[in-house]
Amino acid sequence: MRYREFWDLVDDVLGSAQGRGLVRELVIGELGNRTAQQALDDGDEPRTVWHALCDALGVPDAARWGTDPHRAAPPRR
């Protein structure tokens, strides 16, 4: 997953305003008690950050990949 794809999913799945706020403000234990933005800034893979964010928010697997029917869900690593 690329950074662009991460941000596209944030906007599509979580909503642009609310999603970007959560990326900046929600501290996630799975990311070492950092926000998603801090994890990305520290070089964590966007795929790992996306899964951790979705896990923390309880987003079901079926809803994690947005509305684009051609978007393939990247597996966890």
PDB file of N, CA and C in Angstrom:
ATOM      1  N   MET A   1       0.845  -1.172   0.000  1.00  0.00           N
ATOM      2  CA  MET A   1       0.000   0.000   0.000  1.00  0.00           C
ATOM      3  C   MET A   1       0.893   1.238   0.000  1.00  0.00           C
ATOM      4  N   ARG A   2       0.521   2.190  -0.798  1.00  0.00           N
ATOM      5  CA  ARG A   2       1.259   3.451  -0.866  1.00  0.00           C
ATOM      6  C   ARG A   2       0.586   4.483   0.034  1.00  0.00           C
ATOM      7  N   TYR A   3       1.311   5.546   0.329  1.00  0.00           N
ATOM      8  CA  TYR A   3       0.754   6.602   1.175  1.00  0.00           C
ATOM      9  C   TYR A   3      -0.521   7.183   0.554  1.00  0.00           C
ATOM     10  N   ARG A   4      -0.527   7.361  -0.750  1.00  0.00           N
ATOM     11  CA  ARG A   4      -1.707   7.896  -1.436  1.00  0.00           C
ATOM     12  C   ARG A   4      -2.908   6.991  -1.210  1.00  0.00           C
ATOM     13  N   GLU A   5      -2.690   5.694  -1.308  1.00  0.00           N
ATOM     14  CA  GLU A   5      -3.775   4.738  -1.084  1.00  0.00           C
ATOM     15  C   GLU A   5      -4.278   4.803   0.361  1.00  0.00           C
ATOM     16  N   PHE A   6      -3.351   4.954   1.296  1.00  0.00           N
ATOM     17  CA  PHE A   6      -3.722   5.085   2.707  1.00  0.00           C
ATOM     18  C   PHE A   6      -4.676   6.269   2.879  1.00  0.00           C
ATOM     19  N   TRP A   7      -4.279   7.420   2.339  1.00  0.00           N
ATOM     20  CA  TRP A   7      -5.099   8.624   2.509  1.00  0.00           C
ATOM     21  C   TRP A   7      -6.417   8.522   1.752  1.00  0.00           C
ATOM     22  N   ASP A   8      -6.411   7.865   0.602  1.00  0.00           N
ATOM     23  CA  ASP A   8      -7.668   7.642  -0.128  1.00  0.00           C
ATOM     24  C   ASP A   8      -8.630   6.804   0.705  1.00  0.00           C
ATOM     25  N   LEU A   9      -8.102   5.772   1.372  1.00  0.00           N
ATOM     26  CA  LEU A   9      -8.941   4.929   2.217  1.00  0.00           C
ATOM     27  C   LEU A   9      -9.442   5.689   3.443  1.00  0.00           C
ATOM     28  N   VAL A  10      -8.578   6.497   4.037  1.00  0.00           N
ATOM     29  CA  VAL A  10      -9.015   7.312   5.182  1.00  0.00           C
ATOM     30  C   VAL A  10     -10.222   8.147   4.772  1.00  0.00           C
ATOM     31  N   ASP A  11     -10.112   8.836   3.636  1.00  0.00           N
ATOM     32  CA  ASP A  11     -11.201   9.695   3.171  1.00  0.00           C
ATOM     33  C   ASP A  11     -12.453   8.894   2.840  1.00  0.00           C
ATOM     34  N   ASP A  12     -12.277   7.756   2.168  1.00  0.00           N
ATOM     35  CA  ASP A  12     -13.414   6.953   1.711  1.00  0.00           C
ATOM     36  C   ASP A  12     -14.106   6.218   2.852  1.00  0.00           C
ATOM     37  N   VAL A  13     -13.344   5.595   3.725  1.00  0.00           N
ATOM     38  CA  VAL A  13     -13.915   4.748   4.776  1.00  0.00           C
ATOM     39  C   VAL A  13     -14.319   5.561   6.018  1.00  0.00           C
ATOM     40  N   LEU A  14     -13.499   6.523   6.390  1.00  0.00           N
ATOM     41  CA  LEU A  14     -13.735   7.252   7.635  1.00  0.00           C
ATOM     42  C   LEU A  14     -14.289   8.660   7.427  1.00  0.00           C
ATOM     43  N   GLY A  15     -14.240   9.149   6.209  1.00  0.00           N
ATOM     44  CA  GLY A  15     -14.651  10.524   5.927  1.00  0.00           C
ATOM     45  C   GLY A  15     -13.452  11.445   6.014  1.00  0.00           C
ATOM     46  N   SER A  16     -13.377  12.394   5.112  1.00  0.00           N
ATOM     47  CA  SER A  16     -12.159  13.199   5.024  1.00  0.00           C
ATOM     48  C   SER A  16     -11.879  13.995   6.298  1.00  0.00           C
ATOM     49  N   ALA A  17     -12.846  14.693   6.828  1.00  0.00           N
ATOM     50  CA  ALA A  17     -12.594  15.510   8.020  1.00  0.00           C
ATOM     51  C   ALA A  17     -12.400  14.642   9.263  1.00  0.00           C
ATOM     52  N   GLN A  18     -13.346  13.742   9.520  1.00  0.00           N
ATOM     53  CA  GLN A  18     -13.254  12.905  10.716  1.00  0.00           C
ATOM     54  C   GLN A  18     -12.055  11.962  10.631  1.00  0.00           C
ATOM     55  N   GLY A  19     -11.847  11.350   9.478  1.00  0.00           N
ATOM     56  CA  GLY A  19     -10.753  10.402   9.322  1.00  0.00           C
ATOM     57  C   GLY A  19      -9.399  11.033   9.534  1.00  0.00           C
ATOM     58  N   ARG A  20      -9.192  12.196   8.941  1.00  0.00           N
ATOM     59  CA  ARG A  20      -7.896  12.866   9.096  1.00  0.00           C
ATOM     60  C   ARG A  20      -7.669  13.332  10.528  1.00  0.00           C
ATOM     61  N   GLY A  21      -8.749  13.699  11.203  1.00  0.00           N
ATOM     62  CA  GLY A  21      -8.633  14.040  12.619  1.00  0.00           C
ATOM     63  C   GLY A  21      -8.246  12.833  13.454  1.00  0.00           C
ATOM     64  N   LEU A  22      -8.833  11.692  13.169  1.00  0.00           N
ATOM     65  CA  LEU A  22      -8.485  10.468  13.890  1.00  0.00           C
ATOM     66  C   LEU A  22      -7.039  10.070  13.638  1.00  0.00           C
ATOM     67  N   VAL A  23      -6.571  10.223  12.410  1.00  0.00           N
ATOM     68  CA  VAL A  23      -5.175   9.895  12.090  1.00  0.00           C
ATOM     69  C   VAL A  23      -4.232  10.757  12.928  1.00  0.00           C
ATOM     70  N   ARG A  24      -4.587  12.019  13.115  1.00  0.00           N
ATOM     71  CA  ARG A  24      -3.726  12.940  13.867  1.00  0.00           C
ATOM     72  C   ARG A  24      -3.837  12.781  15.379  1.00  0.00           C
ATOM     73  N   GLU A  25      -5.017  12.365  15.884  1.00  0.00           N
ATOM     74  CA  GLU A  25      -5.273  12.475  17.319  1.00  0.00           C
ATOM     75  C   GLU A  25      -5.451  11.165  18.079  1.00  0.00           C
ATOM     76  N   LEU A  26      -5.904  10.097  17.416  1.00  0.00           N
ATOM     77  CA  LEU A  26      -6.193   8.844  18.120  1.00  0.00           C
ATOM     78  C   LEU A  26      -4.896   8.086  18.420  1.00  0.00           C
ATOM     79  N   VAL A  27      -4.610   7.892  19.684  1.00  0.00           N
ATOM     80  CA  VAL A  27      -3.425   7.128  20.108  1.00  0.00           C
ATOM     81  C   VAL A  27      -3.795   5.652  20.078  1.00  0.00           C
ATOM     82  N   ILE A  28      -2.968   4.856  19.381  1.00  0.00           N
ATOM     83  CA  ILE A  28      -3.268   3.446  19.146  1.00  0.00           C
ATOM     84  C   ILE A  28      -2.195   2.584  19.809  1.00  0.00           C
ATOM     85  N   GLY A  29      -2.629   1.740  20.729  1.00  0.00           N
ATOM     86  CA  GLY A  29      -1.695   0.865  21.442  1.00  0.00           C
ATOM     87  C   GLY A  29      -0.908  -0.037  20.516  1.00  0.00           C
ATOM     88  N   GLU A  30      -1.570  -0.561  19.492  1.00  0.00           N
ATOM     89  CA  GLU A  30      -0.926  -1.465  18.538  1.00  0.00           C
ATOM     90  C   GLU A  30       0.232  -0.792  17.781  1.00  0.00           C
ATOM     91  N   LEU A  31       0.227   0.535  17.771  1.00  0.00           N
ATOM     92  CA  LEU A  31       1.302   1.292  17.113  1.00  0.00           C
ATOM     93  C   LEU A  31       2.298   1.848  18.127  1.00  0.00           C
ATOM     94  N   GLY A  32       2.350   1.222  19.284  1.00  0.00           N
ATOM     95  CA  GLY A  32       3.299   1.667  20.307  1.00  0.00           C
ATOM     96  C   GLY A  32       2.859   2.942  20.992  1.00  0.00           C
ATOM     97  N   ASN A  33       1.552   3.075  21.195  1.00  0.00           N
ATOM     98  CA  ASN A  33       0.976   4.270  21.823  1.00  0.00           C
ATOM     99  C   ASN A  33       1.339   5.540  21.075  1.00  0.00           C
ATOM    100  N   ARG A  34       1.247   5.441  19.759  1.00  0.00           N
ATOM    101  CA  ARG A  34       1.442   6.599  18.882  1.00  0.00           C
ATOM    102  C   ARG A  34       0.168   6.780  18.062  1.00  0.00           C
ATOM    103  N   THR A  35       0.036   7.955  17.482  1.00  0.00           N
ATOM    104  CA  THR A  35      -1.055   8.168  16.541  1.00  0.00           C
ATOM    105  C   THR A  35      -0.652   7.561  15.202  1.00  0.00           C
ATOM    106  N   ALA A  36      -1.646   7.396  14.318  1.00  0.00           N
ATOM    107  CA  ALA A  36      -1.337   6.885  12.985  1.00  0.00           C
ATOM    108  C   ALA A  36      -0.378   7.837  12.265  1.00  0.00           C
ATOM    109  N   GLN A  37      -0.578   9.148  12.452  1.00  0.00           N
ATOM    110  CA  GLN A  37       0.308  10.124  11.807  1.00  0.00           C
ATOM    111  C   GLN A  37       1.743   9.980  12.313  1.00  0.00           C
ATOM    112  N   GLN A  38       1.897   9.807  13.610  1.00  0.00           N
ATOM    113  CA  GLN A  38       3.244   9.621  14.167  1.00  0.00           C
ATOM    114  C   GLN A  38       3.886   8.359  13.619  1.00  0.00           C
ATOM    115  N   ALA A  39       3.109   7.287  13.504  1.00  0.00           N
ATOM    116  CA  ALA A  39       3.643   6.033  12.978  1.00  0.00           C
ATOM    117  C   ALA A  39       4.087   6.210  11.528  1.00  0.00           C
ATOM    118  N   LEU A  40       3.270   6.881  10.722  1.00  0.00           N
ATOM    119  CA  LEU A  40       3.663   7.136   9.329  1.00  0.00           C
ATOM    120  C   LEU A  40       4.912   8.006   9.271  1.00  0.00           C
ATOM    121  N   ASP A  41       4.957   9.041  10.095  1.00  0.00           N
ATOM    122  CA  ASP A  41       6.123   9.930  10.124  1.00  0.00           C
ATOM    123  C   ASP A  41       7.386   9.191  10.552  1.00  0.00           C
ATOM    124  N   ASP A  42       7.209   8.168  11.392  1.00  0.00           N
ATOM    125  CA  ASP A  42       8.349   7.369  11.857  1.00  0.00           C
ATOM    126  C   ASP A  42       8.757   6.288  10.860  1.00  0.00           C
ATOM    127  N   GLY A  43       8.028   6.182   9.759  1.00  0.00           N
ATOM    128  CA  GLY A  43       8.401   5.234   8.713  1.00  0.00           C
ATOM    129  C   GLY A  43       7.669   3.904   8.737  1.00  0.00           C
ATOM    130  N   ASP A  44       6.656   3.753   9.578  1.00  0.00           N
ATOM    131  CA  ASP A  44       5.871   2.515   9.561  1.00  0.00           C
ATOM    132  C   ASP A  44       5.159   2.389   8.212  1.00  0.00           C
ATOM    133  N   GLU A  45       4.969   1.157   7.776  1.00  0.00           N
ATOM    134  CA  GLU A  45       4.294   0.920   6.498  1.00  0.00           C
ATOM    135  C   GLU A  45       2.843   1.372   6.582  1.00  0.00           C
ATOM    136  N   PRO A  46       2.343   2.065   5.560  1.00  0.00           N
ATOM    137  CA  PRO A  46       0.945   2.495   5.563  1.00  0.00           C
ATOM    138  C   PRO A  46      -0.034   1.344   5.757  1.00  0.00           C
ATOM    139  N   ARG A  47       0.279   0.174   5.212  1.00  0.00           N
ATOM    140  CA  ARG A  47      -0.596  -0.993   5.356  1.00  0.00           C
ATOM    141  C   ARG A  47      -0.740  -1.376   6.833  1.00  0.00           C
ATOM    142  N   THR A  48       0.367  -1.403   7.546  1.00  0.00           N
ATOM    143  CA  THR A  48       0.351  -1.744   8.965  1.00  0.00           C
ATOM    144  C   THR A  48      -0.438  -0.712   9.762  1.00  0.00           C
ATOM    145  N   VAL A  49      -0.218   0.545   9.431  1.00  0.00           N
ATOM    146  CA  VAL A  49      -0.918   1.632  10.119  1.00  0.00           C
ATOM    147  C   VAL A  49      -2.413   1.571   9.830  1.00  0.00           C
ATOM    148  N   TRP A  50      -2.771   1.291   8.585  1.00  0.00           N
ATOM    149  CA  TRP A  50      -4.187   1.211   8.226  1.00  0.00           C
ATOM    150  C   TRP A  50      -4.891   0.093   8.991  1.00  0.00           C
ATOM    151  N   HIS A  51      -4.282  -1.083   9.048  1.00  0.00           N
ATOM    152  CA  HIS A  51      -4.894  -2.191   9.785  1.00  0.00           C
ATOM    153  C   HIS A  51      -5.025  -1.843  11.275  1.00  0.00           C
ATOM    154  N   ALA A  52      -4.001  -1.227  11.853  1.00  0.00           N
ATOM    155  CA  ALA A  52      -4.051  -0.860  13.276  1.00  0.00           C
ATOM    156  C   ALA A  52      -5.149   0.174  13.526  1.00  0.00           C
ATOM    157  N   LEU A  53      -5.280   1.149  12.633  1.00  0.00           N
ATOM    158  CA  LEU A  53      -6.316   2.168  12.771  1.00  0.00           C
ATOM    159  C   LEU A  53      -7.698   1.533  12.678  1.00  0.00           C
ATOM    160  N   CYS A  54      -7.897   0.675  11.704  1.00  0.00           N
ATOM    161  CA  CYS A  54      -9.187  -0.004  11.550  1.00  0.00           C
ATOM    162  C   CYS A  54      -9.493  -0.901  12.742  1.00  0.00           C
ATOM    163  N   ASP A  55      -8.489  -1.610  13.242  1.00  0.00           N
ATOM    164  CA  ASP A  55      -8.686  -2.456  14.424  1.00  0.00           C
ATOM    165  C   ASP A  55      -9.123  -1.611  15.618  1.00  0.00           C
ATOM    166  N   ALA A  56      -8.446  -0.478  15.815  1.00  0.00           N
ATOM    167  CA  ALA A  56      -8.749   0.384  16.957  1.00  0.00           C
ATOM    168  C   ALA A  56     -10.164   0.960  16.868  1.00  0.00           C
ATOM    169  N   LEU A  57     -10.631   1.183  15.653  1.00  0.00           N
ATOM    170  CA  LEU A  57     -11.954   1.766  15.458  1.00  0.00           C
ATOM    171  C   LEU A  57     -13.046   0.714  15.270  1.00  0.00           C
ATOM    172  N   GLY A  58     -12.664  -0.558  15.211  1.00  0.00           N
ATOM    173  CA  GLY A  58     -13.640  -1.627  15.030  1.00  0.00           C
ATOM    174  C   GLY A  58     -14.249  -1.666  13.639  1.00  0.00           C
ATOM    175  N   VAL A  59     -13.494  -1.227  12.644  1.00  0.00           N
ATOM    176  CA  VAL A  59     -13.983  -1.264  11.260  1.00  0.00           C
ATOM    177  C   VAL A  59     -13.936  -2.713  10.783  1.00  0.00           C
ATOM    178  N   PRO A  60     -15.063  -3.279  10.368  1.00  0.00           N
ATOM    179  CA  PRO A  60     -15.075  -4.679   9.915  1.00  0.00           C
ATOM    180  C   PRO A  60     -14.248  -4.854   8.635  1.00  0.00           C
ATOM    181  N   ASP A  61     -13.700  -6.049   8.467  1.00  0.00           N
ATOM    182  CA  ASP A  61     -12.859  -6.331   7.293  1.00  0.00           C
ATOM    183  C   ASP A  61     -13.565  -5.973   5.988  1.00  0.00           C
ATOM    184  N   ALA A  62     -14.839  -6.267   5.896  1.00  0.00           N
ATOM    185  CA  ALA A  62     -15.577  -6.025   4.655  1.00  0.00           C
ATOM    186  C   ALA A  62     -15.703  -4.537   4.325  1.00  0.00           C
ATOM    187  N   ALA A  63     -15.573  -3.667   5.315  1.00  0.00           N
ATOM    188  CA  ALA A  63     -15.731  -2.226   5.094  1.00  0.00           C
ATOM    189  C   ALA A  63     -14.400  -1.485   4.999  1.00  0.00           C
ATOM    190  N   ARG A  64     -13.288  -2.171   5.185  1.00  0.00           N
ATOM    191  CA  ARG A  64     -11.985  -1.502   5.246  1.00  0.00           C
ATOM    192  C   ARG A  64     -11.460  -1.013   3.912  1.00  0.00           C
ATOM    193  N   TRP A  65     -12.024  -1.470   2.827  1.00  0.00           N
ATOM    194  CA  TRP A  65     -11.423  -1.177   1.525  1.00  0.00           C
ATOM    195  C   TRP A  65     -12.239  -0.218   0.690  1.00  0.00           C
ATOM    196  N   GLY A  66     -13.174   0.455   1.326  1.00  0.00           N
ATOM    197  CA  GLY A  66     -13.897   1.529   0.684  1.00  0.00           C
ATOM    198  C   GLY A  66     -14.904   1.074  -0.350  1.00  0.00           C
ATOM    199  N   THR A  67     -15.300   2.015  -1.171  1.00  0.00           N
ATOM    200  CA  THR A  67     -16.375   1.785  -2.122  1.00  0.00           C
ATOM    201  C   THR A  67     -15.887   1.403  -3.510  1.00  0.00           C
ATOM    202  N   ASP A  68     -14.593   1.454  -3.765  1.00  0.00           N
ATOM    203  CA  ASP A  68     -14.054   1.106  -5.083  1.00  0.00           C
ATOM    204  C   ASP A  68     -14.054  -0.413  -5.242  1.00  0.00           C
ATOM    205  N   PRO A  69     -14.882  -0.940  -6.151  1.00  0.00           N
ATOM    206  CA  PRO A  69     -14.966  -2.406  -6.290  1.00  0.00           C
ATOM    207  C   PRO A  69     -13.698  -3.027  -6.879  1.00  0.00           C
ATOM    208  N   HIS A  70     -12.809  -2.213  -7.414  1.00  0.00           N
ATOM    209  CA  HIS A  70     -11.582  -2.726  -8.022  1.00  0.00           C
ATOM    210  C   HIS A  70     -10.380  -2.671  -7.073  1.00  0.00           C
ATOM    211  N   ARG A  71     -10.583  -2.109  -5.894  1.00  0.00           N
ATOM    212  CA  ARG A  71      -9.480  -1.998  -4.927  1.00  0.00           C
ATOM    213  C   ARG A  71      -9.282  -3.346  -4.253  1.00  0.00           C
ATOM    214  N   ALA A  72      -8.085  -3.857  -4.339  1.00  0.00           N
ATOM    215  CA  ALA A  72      -7.754  -5.136  -3.694  1.00  0.00           C
ATOM    216  C   ALA A  72      -7.317  -4.873  -2.255  1.00  0.00           C
ATOM    217  N   ALA A  73      -7.806  -5.687  -1.361  1.00  0.00           N
ATOM    218  CA  ALA A  73      -7.428  -5.554   0.043  1.00  0.00           C
ATOM    219  C   ALA A  73      -6.037  -6.105   0.269  1.00  0.00           C
ATOM    220  N   PRO A  74      -5.085  -5.268   0.696  1.00  0.00           N
ATOM    221  CA  PRO A  74      -3.752  -5.791   0.972  1.00  0.00           C
ATOM    222  C   PRO A  74      -3.756  -6.626   2.247  1.00  0.00           C
ATOM    223  N   PRO A  75      -3.125  -7.770   2.219  1.00  0.00           N
ATOM    224  CA  PRO A  75      -3.101  -8.624   3.409  1.00  0.00           C
ATOM    225  C   PRO A  75      -2.252  -8.011   4.512  1.00  0.00           C
ATOM    226  N   ARG A  76      -2.497  -8.471   5.712  1.00  0.00           N
ATOM    227  CA  ARG A  76      -1.638  -8.056   6.840  1.00  0.00           C
ATOM    228  C   ARG A  76      -0.275  -8.678   6.670  1.00  0.00           C
ATOM    229  N   ARG A  77       0.697  -8.059   7.259  1.00  0.00           N
ATOM    230  CA  ARG A  77       2.048  -8.635   7.242  1.00  0.00           C
ATOM    231  C   ARG A  77       2.428  -9.068   8.613  1.00  0.00           C
TER     232      ARG A  77
END
